Structures are given as C-alpha cells and as structure tokens.
Amino acid sequence: MLVEELPPEHLLLTNFFTGLKKDIDSIGKEYNQVIMFGIDKSLTSRVRIEKYAAKEGTRCASKLDLDKMSESIKSAGVQVVISERPTAYLCNEAYWHVLNKFSGTCE
C-alpha cells in the first residue's frame, strides 16, 4: 500500500542480496530522496526507524534528523521507535549500501 502512494517516478530495488548493490549503484542524480521500507512481522502497531546499518564490524548512520522524522510520524498518530540495533537481513544490506553511496557517517 505504501509503494502505491509514491509518485510514479520511483525505482524499486531488487529483493535479493545479489542484485541489491547493483540496483543501488544505478540510482542516478535525478533522484533527490531515497525512501526504504522493510517488513518486520513483529511490528504490527508501530514503525521502526533504523539509526544504523552495520556490516563487517563497521556501523554507518544517516545524517537525517531521525528525532524530527519520528515526531512527524507520531503527529500522524503512528507509534515510532528509533532502533540502534541493525538487523542482519536484506533491509540492513540495502541501508548499508545507500548510506555508503550517499555519504552516511561511518565509524
């Protein structure tokens, strides 16, 4: 349902590890934002915003103001949690590649 609400000029990423980086590498400058959705069946009544992506002992974070984003979502009546523990699945992999492509802060 969320994807159906996006503007028509959107790009959908491959939903498997081997094609994901290639898809992200192909994102051109014509896109001015990246919105990523993942599914966690344990989250039925709230949204989780991931603060970090982690891979091979390195953590990267978005430069976005996640607290401000969280407050905006809460004002729409949706419960939000900001997670500081990245998952180890496809969402983390996608987030990792996006943060590296678009200058996330890595430590």
PDB file of N, CA and C in Angstrom:
ATOM      1  N   MET A   1       0.826  -1.196   0.000  1.00  0.00           N
ATOM      2  CA  MET A   1       0.000   0.000   0.000  1.00  0.00           C
ATOM      3  C   MET A   1       0.869   1.259   0.000  1.00  0.00           C
ATOM      4  N   LEU A   2       1.983   1.218   0.726  1.00  0.00           N
ATOM      5  CA  LEU A   2       2.850   2.395   0.779  1.00  0.00           C
ATOM      6  C   LEU A   2       3.452   2.702  -0.587  1.00  0.00           C
ATOM      7  N   VAL A   3       3.905   1.680  -1.286  1.00  0.00           N
ATOM      8  CA  VAL A   3       4.508   1.893  -2.599  1.00  0.00           C
ATOM      9  C   VAL A   3       3.494   2.482  -3.567  1.00  0.00           C
ATOM     10  N   GLU A   4       2.245   2.077  -3.472  1.00  0.00           N
ATOM     11  CA  GLU A   4       1.212   2.608  -4.360  1.00  0.00           C
ATOM     12  C   GLU A   4       1.000   4.108  -4.161  1.00  0.00           C
ATOM     13  N   GLU A   5       1.367   4.639  -3.004  1.00  0.00           N
ATOM     14  CA  GLU A   5       1.200   6.060  -2.716  1.00  0.00           C
ATOM     15  C   GLU A   5       2.388   6.908  -3.165  1.00  0.00           C
ATOM     16  N   LEU A   6       3.465   6.277  -3.611  1.00  0.00           N
ATOM     17  CA  LEU A   6       4.637   7.013  -4.062  1.00  0.00           C
ATOM     18  C   LEU A   6       4.367   7.657  -5.420  1.00  0.00           C
ATOM     19  N   PRO A   7       5.089   8.739  -5.741  1.00  0.00           N
ATOM     20  CA  PRO A   7       4.957   9.325  -7.076  1.00  0.00           C
ATOM     21  C   PRO A   7       5.320   8.306  -8.150  1.00  0.00           C
ATOM     22  N   PRO A   8       4.822   8.485  -9.361  1.00  0.00           N
ATOM     23  CA  PRO A   8       5.073   7.487 -10.410  1.00  0.00           C
ATOM     24  C   PRO A   8       6.545   7.345 -10.786  1.00  0.00           C
ATOM     25  N   GLU A   9       7.366   8.335 -10.569  1.00  0.00           N
ATOM     26  CA  GLU A   9       8.767   8.246 -10.944  1.00  0.00           C
ATOM     27  C   GLU A   9       9.618   7.694  -9.789  1.00  0.00           C
ATOM     28  N   HIS A  10       9.320   6.456  -9.394  1.00  0.00           N
ATOM     29  CA  HIS A  10      10.085   5.806  -8.334  1.00  0.00           C
ATOM     30  C   HIS A  10      10.814   4.592  -8.890  1.00  0.00           C
ATOM     31  N   LEU A  11      11.779   4.134  -8.129  1.00  0.00           N
ATOM     32  CA  LEU A  11      12.584   2.975  -8.502  1.00  0.00           C
ATOM     33  C   LEU A  11      12.429   1.928  -7.414  1.00  0.00           C
ATOM     34  N   LEU A  12      12.115   0.723  -7.783  1.00  0.00           N
ATOM     35  CA  LEU A  12      12.022  -0.371  -6.816  1.00  0.00           C
ATOM     36  C   LEU A  12      13.305  -1.182  -6.863  1.00  0.00           C
ATOM     37  N   LEU A  13      13.840  -1.511  -5.696  1.00  0.00           N
ATOM     38  CA  LEU A  13      15.068  -2.284  -5.622  1.00  0.00           C
ATOM     39  C   LEU A  13      14.783  -3.776  -5.707  1.00  0.00           C
ATOM     40  N   THR A  14      15.779  -4.516  -6.182  1.00  0.00           N
ATOM     41  CA  THR A  14      15.715  -5.964  -6.214  1.00  0.00           C
ATOM     42  C   THR A  14      15.552  -6.485  -4.792  1.00  0.00           C
ATOM     43  N   ASN A  15      14.790  -7.532  -4.627  1.00  0.00           N
ATOM     44  CA  ASN A  15      14.526  -8.070  -3.302  1.00  0.00           C
ATOM     45  C   ASN A  15      15.376  -9.311  -3.019  1.00  0.00           C
ATOM     46  N   PHE A  16      16.656  -9.273  -3.424  1.00  0.00           N
ATOM     47  CA  PHE A  16      17.580 -10.348  -3.077  1.00  0.00           C
ATOM     48  C   PHE A  16      18.996  -9.766  -3.022  1.00  0.00           C
ATOM     49  N   PHE A  17      19.840 -10.387  -2.222  1.00  0.00           N
ATOM     50  CA  PHE A  17      21.165  -9.848  -1.933  1.00  0.00           C
ATOM     51  C   PHE A  17      22.008  -9.598  -3.172  1.00  0.00           C
ATOM     52  N   THR A  18      22.029 -10.518  -4.117  1.00  0.00           N
ATOM     53  CA  THR A  18      22.971 -10.421  -5.232  1.00  0.00           C
ATOM     54  C   THR A  18      22.690  -9.261  -6.183  1.00  0.00           C
ATOM     55  N   GLY A  19      21.469  -8.802  -6.268  1.00  0.00           N
ATOM     56  CA  GLY A  19      21.167  -7.691  -7.167  1.00  0.00           C
ATOM     57  C   GLY A  19      21.035  -6.346  -6.488  1.00  0.00           C
ATOM     58  N   LEU A  20      21.010  -6.347  -5.190  1.00  0.00           N
ATOM     59  CA  LEU A  20      20.734  -5.133  -4.421  1.00  0.00           C
ATOM     60  C   LEU A  20      21.775  -4.036  -4.628  1.00  0.00           C
ATOM     61  N   LYS A  21      23.043  -4.360  -4.481  1.00  0.00           N
ATOM     62  CA  LYS A  21      24.093  -3.352  -4.636  1.00  0.00           C
ATOM     63  C   LYS A  21      24.087  -2.788  -6.053  1.00  0.00           C
ATOM     64  N   LYS A  22      23.897  -3.638  -7.030  1.00  0.00           N
ATOM     65  CA  LYS A  22      23.844  -3.186  -8.427  1.00  0.00           C
ATOM     66  C   LYS A  22      22.705  -2.175  -8.609  1.00  0.00           C
ATOM     67  N   ASP A  23      21.549  -2.466  -8.050  1.00  0.00           N
ATOM     68  CA  ASP A  23      20.414  -1.545  -8.140  1.00  0.00           C
ATOM     69  C   ASP A  23      20.737  -0.204  -7.483  1.00  0.00           C
ATOM     70  N   ILE A  24      21.327  -0.251  -6.299  1.00  0.00           N
ATOM     71  CA  ILE A  24      21.638   0.983  -5.576  1.00  0.00           C
ATOM     72  C   ILE A  24      22.720   1.770  -6.308  1.00  0.00           C
ATOM     73  N   ASP A  25      23.705   1.085  -6.844  1.00  0.00           N
ATOM     74  CA  ASP A  25      24.750   1.769  -7.619  1.00  0.00           C
ATOM     75  C   ASP A  25      24.173   2.477  -8.844  1.00  0.00           C
ATOM     76  N   SER A  26      23.060   1.972  -9.360  1.00  0.00           N
ATOM     77  CA  SER A  26      22.472   2.565 -10.567  1.00  0.00           C
ATOM     78  C   SER A  26      21.575   3.769 -10.279  1.00  0.00           C
ATOM     79  N   ILE A  27      21.342   4.080  -9.015  1.00  0.00           N
ATOM     80  CA  ILE A  27      20.497   5.235  -8.682  1.00  0.00           C
ATOM     81  C   ILE A  27      21.229   6.495  -9.125  1.00  0.00           C
ATOM     82  N   GLY A  28      20.576   7.245  -9.998  1.00  0.00           N
ATOM     83  CA  GLY A  28      21.203   8.437 -10.556  1.00  0.00           C
ATOM     84  C   GLY A  28      20.854   9.709  -9.806  1.00  0.00           C
ATOM     85  N   LYS A  29      21.425  10.794 -10.268  1.00  0.00           N
ATOM     86  CA  LYS A  29      21.234  12.096  -9.619  1.00  0.00           C
ATOM     87  C   LYS A  29      19.839  12.661  -9.827  1.00  0.00           C
ATOM     88  N   GLU A  30      19.049  12.036 -10.696  1.00  0.00           N
ATOM     89  CA  GLU A  30      17.681  12.518 -10.904  1.00  0.00           C
ATOM     90  C   GLU A  30      16.786  12.234  -9.696  1.00  0.00           C
ATOM     91  N   TYR A  31      17.252  11.370  -8.806  1.00  0.00           N
ATOM     92  CA  TYR A  31      16.506  11.079  -7.573  1.00  0.00           C
ATOM     93  C   TYR A  31      17.051  11.964  -6.462  1.00  0.00           C
ATOM     94  N   ASN A  32      16.151  12.674  -5.781  1.00  0.00           N
ATOM     95  CA  ASN A  32      16.604  13.567  -4.712  1.00  0.00           C
ATOM     96  C   ASN A  32      16.300  13.010  -3.321  1.00  0.00           C
ATOM     97  N   GLN A  33      15.740  11.819  -3.263  1.00  0.00           N
ATOM     98  CA  GLN A  33      15.499  11.189  -1.970  1.00  0.00           C
ATOM     99  C   GLN A  33      15.383   9.677  -2.145  1.00  0.00           C
ATOM    100  N   VAL A  34      15.706   8.974  -1.078  1.00  0.00           N
ATOM    101  CA  VAL A  34      15.575   7.524  -1.058  1.00  0.00           C
ATOM    102  C   VAL A  34      14.712   7.176   0.143  1.00  0.00           C
ATOM    103  N   ILE A  35      13.610   6.509  -0.099  1.00  0.00           N
ATOM    104  CA  ILE A  35      12.715   6.055   0.963  1.00  0.00           C
ATOM    105  C   ILE A  35      12.740   4.532   0.919  1.00  0.00           C
ATOM    106  N   MET A  36      13.077   3.944   2.036  1.00  0.00           N
ATOM    107  CA  MET A  36      13.199   2.489   2.076  1.00  0.00           C
ATOM    108  C   MET A  36      12.230   1.930   3.101  1.00  0.00           C
ATOM    109  N   PHE A  37      11.503   0.888   2.706  1.00  0.00           N
ATOM    110  CA  PHE A  37      10.567   0.213   3.593  1.00  0.00           C
ATOM    111  C   PHE A  37      11.010  -1.230   3.769  1.00  0.00           C
ATOM    112  N   GLY A  38      10.898  -1.720   4.968  1.00  0.00           N
ATOM    113  CA  GLY A  38      11.146  -3.129   5.237  1.00  0.00           C
ATOM    114  C   GLY A  38       9.952  -3.673   6.005  1.00  0.00           C
ATOM    115  N   ILE A  39       9.896  -4.967   6.104  1.00  0.00           N
ATOM    116  CA  ILE A  39       8.774  -5.599   6.809  1.00  0.00           C
ATOM    117  C   ILE A  39       9.318  -6.391   7.985  1.00  0.00           C
ATOM    118  N   ASP A  40       8.730  -6.167   9.134  1.00  0.00           N
ATOM    119  CA  ASP A  40       9.043  -6.935  10.336  1.00  0.00           C
ATOM    120  C   ASP A  40       7.705  -7.382  10.909  1.00  0.00           C
ATOM    121  N   LYS A  41       7.420  -8.653  10.816  1.00  0.00           N
ATOM    122  CA  LYS A  41       6.117  -9.167  11.243  1.00  0.00           C
ATOM    123  C   LYS A  41       5.845  -8.953  12.719  1.00  0.00           C
ATOM    124  N   SER A  42       6.894  -8.686  13.517  1.00  0.00           N
ATOM    125  CA  SER A  42       6.667  -8.431  14.942  1.00  0.00           C
ATOM    126  C   SER A  42       6.220  -6.996  15.206  1.00  0.00           C
ATOM    127  N   LEU A  43       6.323  -6.133  14.210  1.00  0.00           N
ATOM    128  CA  LEU A  43       5.893  -4.739  14.365  1.00  0.00           C
ATOM    129  C   LEU A  43       4.514  -4.574  13.732  1.00  0.00           C
ATOM    130  N   THR A  44       3.500  -4.766  14.523  1.00  0.00           N
ATOM    131  CA  THR A  44       2.144  -4.682  13.986  1.00  0.00           C
ATOM    132  C   THR A  44       1.467  -3.368  14.329  1.00  0.00           C
ATOM    133  N   SER A  45       2.009  -2.630  15.282  1.00  0.00           N
ATOM    134  CA  SER A  45       1.329  -1.401  15.698  1.00  0.00           C
ATOM    135  C   SER A  45       2.260  -0.196  15.753  1.00  0.00           C
ATOM    136  N   ARG A  46       3.452  -0.308  15.160  1.00  0.00           N
ATOM    137  CA  ARG A  46       4.375   0.813  15.164  1.00  0.00           C
ATOM    138  C   ARG A  46       5.357   0.715  14.008  1.00  0.00           C
ATOM    139  N   VAL A  47       6.077   1.797  13.796  1.00  0.00           N
ATOM    140  CA  VAL A  47       7.100   1.884  12.760  1.00  0.00           C
ATOM    141  C   VAL A  47       8.454   1.958  13.457  1.00  0.00           C
ATOM    142  N   ARG A  48       9.428   1.246  12.910  1.00  0.00           N
ATOM    143  CA  ARG A  48      10.786   1.317  13.443  1.00  0.00           C
ATOM    144  C   ARG A  48      11.649   2.059  12.432  1.00  0.00           C
ATOM    145  N   ILE A  49      12.358   3.074  12.908  1.00  0.00           N
ATOM    146  CA  ILE A  49      13.323   3.797  12.086  1.00  0.00           C
ATOM    147  C   ILE A  49      14.707   3.296  12.491  1.00  0.00           C
ATOM    148  N   GLU A  50      15.453   2.829  11.531  1.00  0.00           N
ATOM    149  CA  GLU A  50      16.796   2.316  11.811  1.00  0.00           C
ATOM    150  C   GLU A  50      17.790   3.470  11.833  1.00  0.00           C
ATOM    151  N   LYS A  51      18.516   3.606  12.920  1.00  0.00           N
ATOM    152  CA  LYS A  51      19.539   4.644  13.032  1.00  0.00           C
ATOM    153  C   LYS A  51      20.816   4.217  12.311  1.00  0.00           C
ATOM    154  N   TYR A  52      21.138   2.935  12.374  1.00  0.00           N
ATOM    155  CA  TYR A  52      22.399   2.439  11.825  1.00  0.00           C
ATOM    156  C   TYR A  52      22.181   1.281  10.854  1.00  0.00           C
ATOM    157  N   ALA A  53      23.150   1.145   9.969  1.00  0.00           N
ATOM    158  CA  ALA A  53      23.344  -0.092   9.207  1.00  0.00           C
ATOM    159  C   ALA A  53      24.717  -0.589   9.620  1.00  0.00           C
ATOM    160  N   ALA A  54      24.906  -1.891   9.699  1.00  0.00           N
ATOM    161  CA  ALA A  54      26.189  -2.440  10.142  1.00  0.00           C
ATOM    162  C   ALA A  54      26.620  -3.580   9.238  1.00  0.00           C
ATOM    163  N   LYS A  55      27.931  -3.610   8.981  1.00  0.00           N
ATOM    164  CA  LYS A  55      28.473  -4.678   8.144  1.00  0.00           C
ATOM    165  C   LYS A  55      29.967  -4.797   8.422  1.00  0.00           C
ATOM    166  N   GLU A  56      30.433  -6.017   8.601  1.00  0.00           N
ATOM    167  CA  GLU A  56      31.853  -6.300   8.772  1.00  0.00           C
ATOM    168  C   GLU A  56      32.490  -5.440   9.868  1.00  0.00           C
ATOM    169  N   GLY A  57      31.782  -5.274  10.990  1.00  0.00           N
ATOM    170  CA  GLY A  57      32.312  -4.545  12.131  1.00  0.00           C
ATOM    171  C   GLY A  57      32.261  -3.034  12.035  1.00  0.00           C
ATOM    172  N   THR A  58      31.666  -2.499  10.970  1.00  0.00           N
ATOM    173  CA  THR A  58      31.549  -1.052  10.796  1.00  0.00           C
ATOM    174  C   THR A  58      30.079  -0.667  10.827  1.00  0.00           C
ATOM    175  N   ARG A  59      29.801   0.462  11.434  1.00  0.00           N
ATOM    176  CA  ARG A  59      28.442   0.978  11.536  1.00  0.00           C
ATOM    177  C   ARG A  59      28.344   2.297  10.782  1.00  0.00           C
ATOM    178  N   CYS A  60      27.273   2.484  10.031  1.00  0.00           N
ATOM    179  CA  CYS A  60      27.028   3.741   9.322  1.00  0.00           C
ATOM    180  C   CYS A  60      25.675   4.282   9.769  1.00  0.00           C
ATOM    181  N   ALA A  61      25.586   5.609   9.835  1.00  0.00           N
ATOM    182  CA  ALA A  61      24.348   6.259  10.247  1.00  0.00           C
ATOM    183  C   ALA A  61      23.944   7.307   9.226  1.00  0.00           C
ATOM    184  N   SER A  62      22.664   7.544   9.155  1.00  0.00           N
ATOM    185  CA  SER A  62      22.131   8.595   8.301  1.00  0.00           C
ATOM    186  C   SER A  62      22.434   9.954   8.915  1.00  0.00           C
ATOM    187  N   LYS A  63      22.562  10.964   8.070  1.00  0.00           N
ATOM    188  CA  LYS A  63      22.745  12.334   8.550  1.00  0.00           C
ATOM    189  C   LYS A  63      21.403  13.031   8.756  1.00  0.00           C
ATOM    190  N   LEU A  64      20.305  12.324   8.487  1.00  0.00           N
ATOM    191  CA  LEU A  64      18.980  12.902   8.674  1.00  0.00           C
ATOM    192  C   LEU A  64      18.666  13.072  10.149  1.00  0.00           C
ATOM    193  N   ASP A  65      17.813  14.009  10.465  1.00  0.00           N
ATOM    194  CA  ASP A  65      17.368  14.232  11.839  1.00  0.00           C
ATOM    195  C   ASP A  65      16.254  13.227  12.139  1.00  0.00           C
ATOM    196  N   LEU A  66      16.633  12.073  12.671  1.00  0.00           N
ATOM    197  CA  LEU A  66      15.674  10.996  12.903  1.00  0.00           C
ATOM    198  C   LEU A  66      14.671  11.349  13.994  1.00  0.00           C
ATOM    199  N   ASP A  67      15.075  12.158  14.964  1.00  0.00           N
ATOM    200  CA  ASP A  67      14.132  12.580  16.000  1.00  0.00           C
ATOM    201  C   ASP A  67      13.022  13.440  15.392  1.00  0.00           C
ATOM    202  N   LYS A  68      13.398  14.337  14.509  1.00  0.00           N
ATOM    203  CA  LYS A  68      12.405  15.178  13.834  1.00  0.00           C
ATOM    204  C   LYS A  68      11.482  14.317  12.956  1.00  0.00           C
ATOM    205  N   MET A  69      12.073  13.355  12.259  1.00  0.00           N
ATOM    206  CA  MET A  69      11.286  12.450  11.429  1.00  0.00           C
ATOM    207  C   MET A  69      10.313  11.655  12.291  1.00  0.00           C
ATOM    208  N   SER A  70      10.794  11.175  13.422  1.00  0.00           N
ATOM    209  CA  SER A  70       9.962  10.411  14.344  1.00  0.00           C
ATOM    210  C   SER A  70       8.785  11.238  14.847  1.00  0.00           C
ATOM    211  N   GLU A  71       9.049  12.477  15.224  1.00  0.00           N
ATOM    212  CA  GLU A  71       7.983  13.356  15.718  1.00  0.00           C
ATOM    213  C   GLU A  71       6.940  13.613  14.633  1.00  0.00           C
ATOM    214  N   SER A  72       7.380  13.760  13.403  1.00  0.00           N
ATOM    215  CA  SER A  72       6.454  13.977  12.292  1.00  0.00           C
ATOM    216  C   SER A  72       5.537  12.773  12.103  1.00  0.00           C
ATOM    217  N   ILE A  73       6.093  11.587  12.186  1.00  0.00           N
ATOM    218  CA  ILE A  73       5.299  10.361  12.040  1.00  0.00           C
ATOM    219  C   ILE A  73       4.337  10.221  13.217  1.00  0.00           C
ATOM    220  N   LYS A  74       4.825  10.508  14.428  1.00  0.00           N
ATOM    221  CA  LYS A  74       3.968  10.442  15.621  1.00  0.00           C
ATOM    222  C   LYS A  74       2.800  11.412  15.518  1.00  0.00           C
ATOM    223  N   SER A  75       3.032  12.580  14.919  1.00  0.00           N
ATOM    224  CA  SER A  75       1.954  13.565  14.793  1.00  0.00           C
ATOM    225  C   SER A  75       0.841  13.065  13.874  1.00  0.00           C
ATOM    226  N   ALA A  76       1.137  12.051  13.063  1.00  0.00           N
ATOM    227  CA  ALA A  76       0.117  11.437  12.206  1.00  0.00           C
ATOM    228  C   ALA A  76      -0.591  10.299  12.934  1.00  0.00           C
ATOM    229  N   GLY A  77      -0.257  10.106  14.225  1.00  0.00           N
ATOM    230  CA  GLY A  77      -0.925   9.082  15.021  1.00  0.00           C
ATOM    231  C   GLY A  77      -0.312   7.705  14.955  1.00  0.00           C
ATOM    232  N   VAL A  78       0.929   7.613  14.477  1.00  0.00           N
ATOM    233  CA  VAL A  78       1.601   6.321  14.341  1.00  0.00           C
ATOM    234  C   VAL A  78       2.698   6.232  15.402  1.00  0.00           C
ATOM    235  N   GLN A  79       2.740   5.127  16.118  1.00  0.00           N
ATOM    236  CA  GLN A  79       3.793   4.909  17.113  1.00  0.00           C
ATOM    237  C   GLN A  79       5.120   4.644  16.397  1.00  0.00           C
ATOM    238  N   VAL A  80       6.195   5.200  16.959  1.00  0.00           N
ATOM    239  CA  VAL A  80       7.513   5.094  16.332  1.00  0.00           C
ATOM    240  C   VAL A  80       8.555   4.731  17.374  1.00  0.00           C
ATOM    241  N   VAL A  81       9.524   3.927  16.966  1.00  0.00           N
ATOM    242  CA  VAL A  81      10.699   3.651  17.784  1.00  0.00           C
ATOM    243  C   VAL A  81      11.917   3.827  16.880  1.00  0.00           C
ATOM    244  N   ILE A  82      12.955   4.468  17.419  1.00  0.00           N
ATOM    245  CA  ILE A  82      14.217   4.580  16.693  1.00  0.00           C
ATOM    246  C   ILE A  82      15.133   3.482  17.224  1.00  0.00           C
ATOM    247  N   SER A  83      15.520   2.587  16.338  1.00  0.00           N
ATOM    248  CA  SER A  83      16.336   1.433  16.722  1.00  0.00           C
ATOM    249  C   SER A  83      17.818   1.737  16.514  1.00  0.00           C
ATOM    250  N   GLU A  84      18.627   1.342  17.483  1.00  0.00           N
ATOM    251  CA  GLU A  84      20.076   1.483  17.365  1.00  0.00           C
ATOM    252  C   GLU A  84      20.745   0.127  17.145  1.00  0.00           C
ATOM    253  N   ARG A  85      19.933  -0.907  16.923  1.00  0.00           N
ATOM    254  CA  ARG A  85      20.452  -2.258  16.686  1.00  0.00           C
ATOM    255  C   ARG A  85      20.030  -2.733  15.297  1.00  0.00           C
ATOM    256  N   PRO A  86      20.926  -2.649  14.329  1.00  0.00           N
ATOM    257  CA  PRO A  86      20.575  -3.063  12.969  1.00  0.00           C
ATOM    258  C   PRO A  86      20.247  -4.547  12.891  1.00  0.00           C
ATOM    259  N   THR A  87      19.385  -4.871  11.969  1.00  0.00           N
ATOM    260  CA  THR A  87      19.075  -6.273  11.712  1.00  0.00           C
ATOM    261  C   THR A  87      20.212  -6.872  10.883  1.00  0.00           C
ATOM    262  N   ALA A  88      20.153  -8.127  10.615  1.00  0.00           N
ATOM    263  CA  ALA A  88      21.190  -8.791   9.813  1.00  0.00           C
ATOM    264  C   ALA A  88      20.602  -9.328   8.522  1.00  0.00           C
ATOM    265  N   TYR A  89      19.610  -8.645   8.008  1.00  0.00           N
ATOM    266  CA  TYR A  89      18.949  -9.176   6.826  1.00  0.00           C
ATOM    267  C   TYR A  89      19.010  -8.175   5.678  1.00  0.00           C
ATOM    268  N   LEU A  90      18.173  -8.344   4.705  1.00  0.00           N
ATOM    269  CA  LEU A  90      18.190  -7.575   3.463  1.00  0.00           C
ATOM    270  C   LEU A  90      18.014  -6.073   3.693  1.00  0.00           C
ATOM    271  N   CYS A  91      17.183  -5.670   4.626  1.00  0.00           N
ATOM    272  CA  CYS A  91      16.973  -4.240   4.896  1.00  0.00           C
ATOM    273  C   CYS A  91      18.276  -3.587   5.334  1.00  0.00           C
ATOM    274  N   ASN A  92      19.018  -4.244   6.214  1.00  0.00           N
ATOM    275  CA  ASN A  92      20.306  -3.725   6.664  1.00  0.00           C
ATOM    276  C   ASN A  92      21.280  -3.619   5.495  1.00  0.00           C
ATOM    277  N   GLU A  93      21.298  -4.620   4.652  1.00  0.00           N
ATOM    278  CA  GLU A  93      22.187  -4.624   3.487  1.00  0.00           C
ATOM    279  C   GLU A  93      21.866  -3.449   2.562  1.00  0.00           C
ATOM    280  N   ALA A  94      20.601  -3.224   2.297  1.00  0.00           N
ATOM    281  CA  ALA A  94      20.195  -2.105   1.443  1.00  0.00           C
ATOM    282  C   ALA A  94      20.572  -0.775   2.086  1.00  0.00           C
ATOM    283  N   TYR A  95      20.268  -0.634   3.361  1.00  0.00           N
ATOM    284  CA  TYR A  95      20.585   0.602   4.084  1.00  0.00           C
ATOM    285  C   TYR A  95      22.084   0.863   4.069  1.00  0.00           C
ATOM    286  N   TRP A  96      22.882  -0.185   4.269  1.00  0.00           N
ATOM    287  CA  TRP A  96      24.337  -0.076   4.247  1.00  0.00           C
ATOM    288  C   TRP A  96      24.817   0.508   2.916  1.00  0.00           C
ATOM    289  N   HIS A  97      24.341  -0.059   1.822  1.00  0.00           N
ATOM    290  CA  HIS A  97      24.792   0.396   0.500  1.00  0.00           C
ATOM    291  C   HIS A  97      24.305   1.814   0.211  1.00  0.00           C
ATOM    292  N   VAL A  98      23.098   2.146   0.614  1.00  0.00           N
ATOM    293  CA  VAL A  98      22.580   3.507   0.392  1.00  0.00           C
ATOM    294  C   VAL A  98      23.384   4.520   1.201  1.00  0.00           C
ATOM    295  N   LEU A  99      23.654   4.219   2.465  1.00  0.00           N
ATOM    296  CA  LEU A  99      24.436   5.143   3.297  1.00  0.00           C
ATOM    297  C   LEU A  99      25.847   5.324   2.735  1.00  0.00           C
ATOM    298  N   ASN A 100      26.446   4.267   2.236  1.00  0.00           N
ATOM    299  CA  ASN A 100      27.783   4.396   1.658  1.00  0.00           C
ATOM    300  C   ASN A 100      27.771   5.182   0.352  1.00  0.00           C
ATOM    301  N   LYS A 101      26.744   5.004  -0.448  1.00  0.00           N
ATOM    302  CA  LYS A 101      26.642   5.745  -1.713  1.00  0.00           C
ATOM    303  C   LYS A 101      26.378   7.227  -1.477  1.00  0.00           C
ATOM    304  N   PHE A 102      25.542   7.522  -0.493  1.00  0.00           N
ATOM    305  CA  PHE A 102      25.110   8.895  -0.264  1.00  0.00           C
ATOM    306  C   PHE A 102      25.713   9.511   0.994  1.00  0.00           C
ATOM    307  N   SER A 103      26.943   9.158   1.301  1.00  0.00           N
ATOM    308  CA  SER A 103      27.733   9.816   2.347  1.00  0.00           C
ATOM    309  C   SER A 103      27.149   9.727   3.743  1.00  0.00           C
ATOM    310  N   GLY A 104      26.743   8.534   4.157  1.00  0.00           N
ATOM    311  CA  GLY A 104      26.368   8.359   5.558  1.00  0.00           C
ATOM    312  C   GLY A 104      27.618   8.490   6.423  1.00  0.00           C
ATOM    313  N   THR A 105      27.436   8.629   7.695  1.00  0.00           N
ATOM    314  CA  THR A 105      28.548   8.745   8.631  1.00  0.00           C
ATOM    315  C   THR A 105      28.914   7.359   9.125  1.00  0.00           C
ATOM    316  N   CYS A 106      30.150   6.905   8.847  1.00  0.00           N
ATOM    317  CA  CYS A 106      30.563   5.562   9.248  1.00  0.00           C
ATOM    318  C   CYS A 106      31.633   5.620  10.317  1.00  0.00           C
ATOM    319  N   GLU A 107      31.559   4.631  11.230  1.00  0.00           N
ATOM    320  CA  GLU A 107      32.548   4.551  12.321  1.00  0.00           C
ATOM    321  C   GLU A 107      33.028   3.135  12.483  1.00  0.00           C
TER     322      GLU A 107
END
